[in-house]
Amino acid sequence: MISFSSVQPGPTQNPTATAAAASTATRTSLPPHHYHSHKLSFIPPPFLQPADLSRRRHLRIRAIDAAQPFDYEAQLINRFTQSTKLKIAIIGFGNFGQFLAKAFIRQGHTVFAHSRSDYSSIAQSLGAAFFFDTHDLCEQHPDVILLCTSIISTESVLKSLPIQRLRRNTLFVDVLSVKEFPKNIFLQFLPAHFDILCTHPMFGPESGKNSWQNLAFVFDKVRIGNEDNRLTRVETFLDIFKKEGCRMVEMTCAEHDKYAAGSQFITHTMGRILEKLQLDSTPINTKGYETLLNLVENTSSDSFDLYYGLFMYNKNAMEQLERLDLAFESLKKELFGHLHEVLRKQLFGKSEETPRLVLAKLPKNGTPLLPASKSETMVNNNS
């Protein structure tokens, strides 16, 4: 509050008494630190006569520093920040769940976690809240339920969740490597008032440990409500991956499984076949061989449950296995067809008369195979 004493007091007022009374009243009604009194120098304008200067009084400014009851601007900023942040509950807090949680927390979202194993110390170190009981977790009313379980356990985990404790429009998301399977169980077991988003980050803790830049993120908005807040929520969740630099790919779950069977399942199959060969690094590795060794390392780090899930819950996987068998047989026929006729007779001319050598176990890579004569001797001795 700022008050100015009159420069031209009225004829019935005593200027000195009036100013003193006002000053005394103000000083007695407020603590000393709530006002400041300043005297300002006054330069008379040329139109004032000397007689008028005698009536000049010092201009006094009294400022009252009163704290505002609340900072409205700060509250608006806080409300906006909260509206752009999500509460995400991760069900299945293993390696992949922890991998995603780091990005969520880094972008300011709140993360709740639950798992069969005790990851409470890891969750605390990341800045997430760990819940041993799903009832307690669901009572936190998360905006998003993110399933990071194995493929084969997804259905049982979903059935065990106390969804009656959630808000009626909660968004359910999965990150499984197959898509039609989780889509179908979501539609089967979740009431119609829950939103469903099926996603597949086409990377993991190994391939995405340095950056997610240009890594594919596939998603299908299976069922999203028409309300603005629900549309905003799903976009906010997808923005997490956009901000990390992912290449966002929207496609149906059926399209995903068709492409994945011809890419991801074949990749895992070849990696596990090469793992059975027990490949070792050599002093003369080529770039191609290094690529094969990296493939073995990447696929062997994943659990067999993942590989089994890719086969069991993708109807296109069996077709790919059959095509792989046909391709291998075709390649062998093409290779043997180019052998010289005489050499082919020397190698296979008596194949029907003598039993074939069947290895019970593949020898370790680098172990020389026995000559044909010794092999025949071993077979004959064993028969």
Protein backbone atom coordinates (compact mmCIF):
# COMPACT_ATOMS: atom_id res chain seq x y z
CA MET A 1 0.00 0.00 0.00
CA ILE A 2 1.41 3.40 -0.96
CA SER A 3 0.07 6.66 0.49
CA PHE A 4 1.05 10.20 -0.42
CA SER A 5 0.74 13.12 1.96
CA SER A 6 -0.91 16.17 0.44
CA VAL A 7 1.30 18.81 -1.13
CA GLN A 8 -1.44 21.44 -0.81
CA PRO A 9 -3.19 20.93 2.55
CA GLY A 10 -6.67 22.34 2.96
CA PRO A 11 -7.17 25.65 4.75
CA THR A 12 -8.70 24.05 7.82
CA GLN A 13 -5.91 21.53 8.27
CA ASN A 14 -2.68 21.90 10.12
CA PRO A 15 -0.24 20.30 7.67
CA THR A 16 2.36 19.48 10.27
CA ALA A 17 -0.12 17.99 12.70
CA THR A 18 -1.91 16.07 9.97
CA ALA A 19 1.30 14.51 8.63
CA ALA A 20 2.53 13.68 12.12
CA ALA A 21 -0.78 12.08 13.07
CA ALA A 22 -0.87 10.02 9.90
CA SER A 23 2.71 8.93 10.40
CA THR A 24 2.08 8.01 14.03
CA ALA A 25 -1.08 6.06 13.17
CA THR A 26 0.66 4.12 10.45
CA ARG A 27 3.70 3.37 12.56
CA THR A 28 1.67 2.15 15.51
CA SER A 29 -0.61 -0.07 13.40
CA LEU A 30 2.17 -1.89 11.55
CA PRO A 31 5.41 -3.55 12.62
CA PRO A 32 8.55 -1.60 11.75
CA HIS A 33 9.65 -4.00 9.02
CA HIS A 34 6.38 -3.56 7.07
CA TYR A 35 6.95 -0.01 5.93
CA HIS A 36 9.69 2.24 4.63
CA SER A 37 9.66 6.02 4.85
CA HIS A 38 11.67 8.02 2.34
CA LYS A 39 12.13 11.75 1.82
CA LEU A 40 12.29 12.80 -1.79
CA SER A 41 14.08 15.92 -2.94
CA PHE A 42 11.79 18.38 -4.68
CA ILE A 43 12.81 20.76 -7.48
CA PRO A 44 10.09 23.40 -7.96
CA PRO A 45 8.80 23.93 -11.48
CA PRO A 46 9.15 27.45 -12.89
CA PHE A 47 5.44 28.26 -12.63
CA LEU A 48 5.48 28.05 -8.82
CA GLN A 49 5.92 31.37 -7.05
CA PRO A 50 8.29 31.68 -4.09
CA ALA A 51 5.28 32.04 -1.84
CA ASP A 52 4.07 28.64 -2.94
CA LEU A 53 7.37 27.07 -2.01
CA SER A 54 6.75 27.74 1.63
CA ARG A 55 3.72 25.51 1.47
CA ARG A 56 5.74 22.66 -0.07
CA ARG A 57 5.86 19.59 2.05
CA HIS A 58 8.13 16.61 1.71
CA LEU A 59 6.50 13.80 -0.22
CA ARG A 60 6.33 10.65 1.87
CA ILE A 61 5.98 7.13 0.42
CA ARG A 62 4.94 4.38 2.72
CA ALA A 63 5.19 0.84 1.20
CA ILE A 64 3.66 -2.18 2.89
CA ASP A 65 5.23 -5.53 2.01
CA ALA A 66 2.36 -7.99 2.40
CA ALA A 67 2.88 -11.65 1.48
CA GLN A 68 0.38 -13.02 -1.04
CA PRO A 69 -1.91 -15.76 0.33
CA PHE A 70 -0.73 -18.06 -2.51
CA ASP A 71 1.38 -17.88 -5.65
CA TYR A 72 -1.23 -18.30 -8.37
CA GLU A 73 1.31 -18.43 -11.19
CA ALA A 74 3.30 -21.18 -9.47
CA GLN A 75 0.11 -23.15 -8.91
CA LEU A 76 -0.76 -22.93 -12.61
CA ILE A 77 2.71 -24.17 -13.57
CA ASN A 78 2.43 -27.01 -11.06
CA ARG A 79 -0.98 -28.04 -12.42
CA PHE A 80 0.32 -28.04 -15.99
CA THR A 81 3.35 -30.12 -15.00
CA GLN A 82 1.17 -32.65 -13.21
CA SER A 83 -1.18 -32.89 -16.19
CA THR A 84 1.72 -33.88 -18.47
CA LYS A 85 3.16 -36.50 -16.10
CA LEU A 86 1.86 -40.02 -15.60
CA LYS A 87 1.72 -42.50 -12.76
CA ILE A 88 2.91 -45.74 -14.37
CA ALA A 89 2.64 -49.11 -12.61
CA ILE A 90 5.07 -51.69 -13.98
CA ILE A 91 3.97 -55.28 -13.40
CA GLY A 92 7.06 -57.46 -13.79
CA PHE A 93 10.11 -55.53 -12.62
CA GLY A 94 12.81 -57.71 -14.14
CA ASN A 95 15.57 -56.54 -16.48
CA PHE A 96 13.22 -55.12 -19.10
CA GLY A 97 10.91 -53.48 -16.56
CA GLN A 98 13.87 -51.77 -14.88
CA PHE A 99 15.20 -50.78 -18.30
CA LEU A 100 11.97 -48.94 -19.15
CA ALA A 101 11.57 -47.49 -15.65
CA LYS A 102 14.84 -45.56 -15.99
CA ALA A 103 13.48 -43.67 -19.01
CA PHE A 104 10.12 -43.02 -17.34
CA ILE A 105 11.72 -41.59 -14.22
CA ARG A 106 14.25 -39.60 -16.23
CA GLN A 107 11.34 -37.79 -17.90
CA GLY A 108 9.67 -36.98 -14.58
CA HIS A 109 6.95 -39.64 -14.44
CA THR A 110 6.04 -41.48 -11.25
CA VAL A 111 6.78 -45.21 -11.32
CA PHE A 112 5.24 -47.94 -9.16
CA ALA A 113 6.63 -51.47 -9.43
CA HIS A 114 5.54 -54.99 -8.55
CA SER A 115 7.15 -58.35 -9.19
CA ARG A 116 7.24 -61.87 -7.80
CA SER A 117 10.85 -61.32 -6.73
CA ASP A 118 11.93 -58.66 -4.26
CA TYR A 119 13.31 -55.73 -6.26
CA SER A 120 12.58 -53.14 -3.58
CA SER A 121 16.21 -52.04 -3.19
CA ILE A 122 16.67 -51.68 -6.96
CA ALA A 123 13.40 -49.75 -7.23
CA GLN A 124 14.49 -47.41 -4.45
CA SER A 125 17.83 -46.77 -6.15
CA LEU A 126 16.02 -45.88 -9.38
CA GLY A 127 13.49 -43.62 -7.66
CA ALA A 128 10.49 -45.96 -8.00
CA ALA A 129 8.09 -47.22 -5.32
CA PHE A 130 7.99 -51.01 -4.96
CA PHE A 131 4.82 -52.78 -3.83
CA PHE A 132 4.77 -56.38 -2.67
CA ASP A 133 0.96 -56.52 -2.85
CA THR A 134 -0.92 -55.65 -6.04
CA HIS A 135 -3.89 -54.46 -3.97
CA ASP A 136 -1.75 -51.74 -2.44
CA LEU A 137 -0.38 -50.83 -5.86
CA CYS A 138 -3.79 -50.57 -7.52
CA GLU A 139 -5.06 -48.38 -4.67
CA GLN A 140 -2.51 -45.77 -5.81
CA HIS A 141 -4.74 -45.34 -8.89
CA PRO A 142 -2.01 -45.36 -11.54
CA ASP A 143 -2.80 -43.85 -14.92
CA VAL A 144 -1.12 -46.74 -16.75
CA ILE A 145 -0.74 -50.46 -15.97
CA LEU A 146 2.28 -51.70 -17.94
CA LEU A 147 2.69 -55.48 -18.21
CA CYS A 148 6.37 -56.47 -18.51
CA THR A 149 5.90 -60.16 -17.76
CA SER A 150 6.96 -63.13 -19.86
CA ILE A 151 4.66 -64.14 -22.69
CA ILE A 152 3.64 -67.44 -21.11
CA SER A 153 2.74 -65.85 -17.75
CA THR A 154 0.84 -62.81 -19.05
CA GLU A 155 -2.63 -64.31 -18.86
CA SER A 156 -2.26 -65.58 -15.29
CA VAL A 157 -0.78 -62.27 -14.13
CA LEU A 158 -3.61 -60.28 -15.72
CA LYS A 159 -6.23 -62.48 -14.06
CA SER A 160 -4.58 -62.00 -10.66
CA LEU A 161 -4.74 -58.19 -10.72
CA PRO A 162 -7.46 -56.60 -8.51
CA ILE A 163 -8.73 -54.40 -11.32
CA GLN A 164 -11.77 -53.42 -9.23
CA ARG A 165 -9.44 -51.15 -7.24
CA LEU A 166 -8.38 -49.20 -10.33
CA ARG A 167 -10.03 -46.20 -11.90
CA ARG A 168 -12.57 -47.26 -14.47
CA ASN A 169 -10.67 -45.72 -17.41
CA THR A 170 -7.16 -46.97 -16.57
CA LEU A 171 -4.90 -47.55 -19.57
CA PHE A 172 -3.48 -51.08 -19.95
CA VAL A 173 -0.28 -51.48 -21.99
CA ASP A 174 1.86 -54.49 -22.84
CA VAL A 175 5.38 -54.73 -24.29
CA LEU A 176 5.35 -58.38 -25.38
CA SER A 177 7.17 -59.63 -28.47
CA VAL A 178 3.90 -61.00 -29.86
CA LYS A 179 0.86 -58.82 -30.27
CA GLU A 180 -2.31 -60.70 -31.18
CA PHE A 181 -2.05 -62.84 -28.05
CA PRO A 182 -2.05 -59.96 -25.50
CA LYS A 183 -4.65 -58.09 -27.54
CA ASN A 184 -7.03 -61.04 -27.34
CA ILE A 185 -6.60 -61.63 -23.60
CA PHE A 186 -6.99 -57.90 -22.89
CA LEU A 187 -10.25 -57.85 -24.80
CA GLN A 188 -11.36 -61.07 -23.12
CA PHE A 189 -10.63 -60.24 -19.48
CA LEU A 190 -10.74 -56.44 -19.21
CA PRO A 191 -14.08 -54.62 -18.92
CA ALA A 192 -14.99 -52.28 -21.75
CA HIS A 193 -14.29 -49.14 -19.72
CA PHE A 194 -10.52 -49.84 -19.64
CA ASP A 195 -8.29 -48.51 -22.42
CA ILE A 196 -5.92 -50.87 -24.28
CA LEU A 197 -2.64 -50.06 -26.02
CA CYS A 198 -0.51 -52.89 -27.44
CA THR A 199 3.14 -51.99 -27.97
CA HIS A 200 6.45 -53.65 -28.79
CA PRO A 201 9.75 -51.83 -28.32
CA MET A 202 11.93 -53.51 -30.97
CA PHE A 203 14.96 -53.31 -28.69
CA GLY A 204 16.05 -54.37 -25.24
CA PRO A 205 18.56 -53.64 -22.48
CA GLU A 206 21.46 -54.74 -24.70
CA SER A 207 20.56 -53.17 -28.04
CA GLY A 208 19.21 -50.01 -26.38
CA LYS A 209 21.73 -49.55 -23.58
CA ASN A 210 23.42 -46.55 -25.20
CA SER A 211 20.53 -44.85 -26.98
CA TRP A 212 17.02 -45.44 -28.33
CA GLN A 213 17.65 -43.15 -31.27
CA ASN A 214 16.00 -44.49 -34.46
CA LEU A 215 15.03 -47.78 -32.78
CA ALA A 216 11.57 -48.97 -33.80
CA PHE A 217 8.64 -48.77 -31.39
CA VAL A 218 5.52 -50.54 -32.69
CA PHE A 219 2.09 -49.73 -31.25
CA ASP A 220 -1.59 -50.39 -31.89
CA LYS A 221 -4.33 -48.33 -30.20
CA VAL A 222 -6.66 -51.26 -29.70
CA ARG A 223 -9.30 -49.48 -27.59
CA ILE A 224 -9.07 -45.86 -26.46
CA GLY A 225 -11.98 -43.81 -25.11
CA ASN A 226 -13.14 -40.64 -26.87
CA GLU A 227 -12.71 -38.32 -23.87
CA ASP A 228 -10.01 -35.69 -24.21
CA ASN A 229 -8.16 -36.77 -21.07
CA ARG A 230 -7.95 -40.38 -22.28
CA LEU A 231 -6.72 -39.35 -25.72
CA THR A 232 -4.17 -37.05 -24.09
CA ARG A 233 -3.00 -39.79 -21.74
CA VAL A 234 -2.18 -42.29 -24.48
CA GLU A 235 -0.33 -39.62 -26.45
CA THR A 236 1.61 -38.65 -23.33
CA PHE A 237 2.69 -42.26 -22.90
CA LEU A 238 3.78 -42.55 -26.53
CA ASP A 239 5.63 -39.24 -26.22
CA ILE A 240 7.99 -40.91 -23.73
CA PHE A 241 9.41 -43.01 -26.54
CA LYS A 242 9.29 -40.18 -29.06
CA LYS A 243 11.39 -38.00 -26.76
CA GLU A 244 13.94 -40.81 -26.45
CA GLY A 245 14.32 -40.76 -30.25
CA CYS A 246 12.39 -43.92 -31.17
CA ARG A 247 11.05 -44.44 -34.66
CA MET A 248 7.31 -44.70 -34.03
CA VAL A 249 5.55 -47.35 -36.15
CA GLU A 250 1.78 -47.73 -35.90
CA MET A 251 0.41 -51.01 -37.26
CA THR A 252 -2.16 -53.63 -36.35
CA CYS A 253 -1.28 -56.53 -34.09
CA ALA A 254 -1.82 -58.99 -36.95
CA GLU A 255 0.60 -57.11 -39.20
CA HIS A 256 3.18 -57.02 -36.43
CA ASP A 257 3.06 -60.78 -35.85
CA LYS A 258 3.40 -61.49 -39.56
CA TYR A 259 6.50 -59.31 -39.84
CA ALA A 260 7.94 -60.47 -36.50
CA ALA A 261 7.76 -64.16 -37.45
CA GLY A 262 9.87 -63.46 -40.51
CA SER A 263 12.36 -61.30 -38.65
CA GLN A 264 12.51 -61.65 -34.87
CA PHE A 265 11.65 -65.36 -34.66
CA ILE A 266 14.07 -66.26 -37.47
CA THR A 267 16.76 -64.16 -35.79
CA HIS A 268 16.32 -65.96 -32.48
CA THR A 269 16.20 -69.34 -34.24
CA MET A 270 19.44 -68.79 -36.13
CA GLY A 271 21.11 -67.41 -33.02
CA ARG A 272 20.20 -70.50 -31.01
CA ILE A 273 21.28 -72.85 -33.81
CA LEU A 274 24.66 -71.14 -33.92
CA GLU A 275 24.83 -71.33 -30.13
CA LYS A 276 24.50 -75.13 -30.40
CA LEU A 277 27.54 -75.10 -32.70
CA GLN A 278 29.57 -73.52 -29.86
CA LEU A 279 31.22 -70.95 -32.10
CA ASP A 280 34.46 -69.44 -30.81
CA SER A 281 36.30 -66.29 -31.75
CA THR A 282 39.43 -66.77 -33.87
CA PRO A 283 42.52 -64.63 -34.59
CA ILE A 284 41.28 -64.13 -38.16
CA ASN A 285 37.63 -63.19 -37.60
CA THR A 286 35.88 -61.58 -40.54
CA LYS A 287 33.23 -58.89 -40.13
CA GLY A 288 30.56 -61.40 -41.05
CA TYR A 289 31.77 -63.87 -38.46
CA GLU A 290 31.85 -61.12 -35.83
CA THR A 291 28.23 -60.41 -36.70
CA LEU A 292 27.35 -64.06 -36.10
CA LEU A 293 29.12 -64.05 -32.73
CA ASN A 294 27.21 -60.91 -31.73
CA LEU A 295 23.97 -62.57 -32.80
CA VAL A 296 24.72 -65.56 -30.58
CA GLU A 297 25.52 -63.27 -27.67
CA ASN A 298 22.32 -61.23 -28.06
CA THR A 299 19.97 -64.19 -28.43
CA SER A 300 21.57 -66.33 -25.72
CA SER A 301 21.13 -63.51 -23.20
CA ASP A 302 17.34 -63.84 -23.58
CA SER A 303 15.51 -66.56 -21.70
CA PHE A 304 14.27 -69.68 -23.47
CA ASP A 305 10.78 -68.72 -22.27
CA LEU A 306 10.94 -65.73 -24.59
CA TYR A 307 11.92 -67.90 -27.55
CA TYR A 308 9.25 -70.45 -26.68
CA GLY A 309 6.69 -67.67 -26.43
CA LEU A 310 7.66 -66.37 -29.87
CA PHE A 311 6.99 -69.85 -31.22
CA MET A 312 3.94 -70.78 -29.18
CA TYR A 313 1.95 -67.54 -29.38
CA ASN A 314 2.65 -66.47 -32.95
CA LYS A 315 0.69 -68.53 -35.45
CA ASN A 316 3.16 -67.58 -38.18
CA ALA A 317 6.16 -69.13 -36.38
CA MET A 318 5.48 -72.75 -37.42
CA GLU A 319 5.32 -71.71 -41.06
CA GLN A 320 8.72 -70.04 -40.70
CA LEU A 321 10.23 -73.21 -39.21
CA GLU A 322 8.90 -75.27 -42.12
CA ARG A 323 10.26 -72.76 -44.61
CA LEU A 324 13.61 -72.87 -42.82
CA ASP A 325 13.73 -76.67 -43.18
CA LEU A 326 12.83 -76.45 -46.86
CA ALA A 327 15.43 -73.76 -47.45
CA PHE A 328 18.17 -75.84 -45.78
CA GLU A 329 17.27 -78.95 -47.79
CA SER A 330 17.17 -76.92 -50.99
CA LEU A 331 20.59 -75.46 -50.23
CA LYS A 332 22.09 -78.91 -49.61
CA LYS A 333 20.65 -80.24 -52.87
CA GLU A 334 22.03 -77.27 -54.77
CA LEU A 335 25.43 -77.73 -53.13
CA PHE A 336 25.61 -81.47 -53.77
CA GLY A 337 24.29 -81.04 -57.30
CA HIS A 338 27.42 -79.13 -58.25
CA LEU A 339 29.75 -81.92 -57.18
CA HIS A 340 31.56 -83.76 -59.92
CA GLU A 341 29.89 -87.02 -60.86
CA VAL A 342 32.94 -89.12 -60.04
CA LEU A 343 33.50 -87.42 -56.70
CA ARG A 344 29.84 -87.84 -55.84
CA LYS A 345 30.08 -91.59 -56.56
CA GLN A 346 33.21 -91.87 -54.42
CA LEU A 347 31.51 -90.16 -51.51
CA PHE A 348 27.99 -91.57 -51.75
CA GLY A 349 28.20 -94.59 -54.05
CA LYS A 350 28.07 -97.14 -51.21
CA SER A 351 25.88 -95.12 -48.90
CA GLU A 352 23.11 -97.71 -49.01
CA GLU A 353 25.48 -100.59 -48.19
CA THR A 354 27.14 -99.07 -45.12
CA PRO A 355 25.38 -97.38 -42.24
CA ARG A 356 25.76 -93.62 -41.97
CA LEU A 357 27.81 -92.12 -39.20
CA VAL A 358 25.45 -90.41 -36.75
CA LEU A 359 27.04 -88.13 -34.20
CA ALA A 360 25.36 -88.37 -30.83
CA LYS A 361 26.79 -84.98 -29.95
CA LEU A 362 28.27 -82.31 -32.15
CA PRO A 363 32.01 -81.97 -31.55
CA LYS A 364 33.28 -78.69 -30.22
CA ASN A 365 34.11 -76.11 -32.85
CA GLY A 366 37.67 -76.60 -34.13
CA THR A 367 37.80 -80.36 -33.41
CA PRO A 368 38.86 -82.22 -36.62
CA LEU A 369 36.36 -84.73 -37.93
CA LEU A 370 37.49 -88.36 -38.27
CA PRO A 371 38.50 -89.59 -41.75
CA ALA A 372 35.95 -91.63 -43.65
CA SER A 373 37.81 -94.93 -43.15
CA LYS A 374 38.03 -94.50 -39.37
CA SER A 375 34.43 -93.37 -39.23
CA GLU A 376 33.32 -96.53 -41.00
CA THR A 377 35.44 -98.60 -38.61
CA MET A 378 33.82 -96.94 -35.59
CA VAL A 379 30.35 -97.51 -36.98
CA ASN A 380 31.07 -101.16 -37.78
CA ASN A 381 32.57 -101.76 -34.35
CA ASN A 382 29.54 -100.24 -32.66
CA SER A 383 27.10 -102.29 -34.73
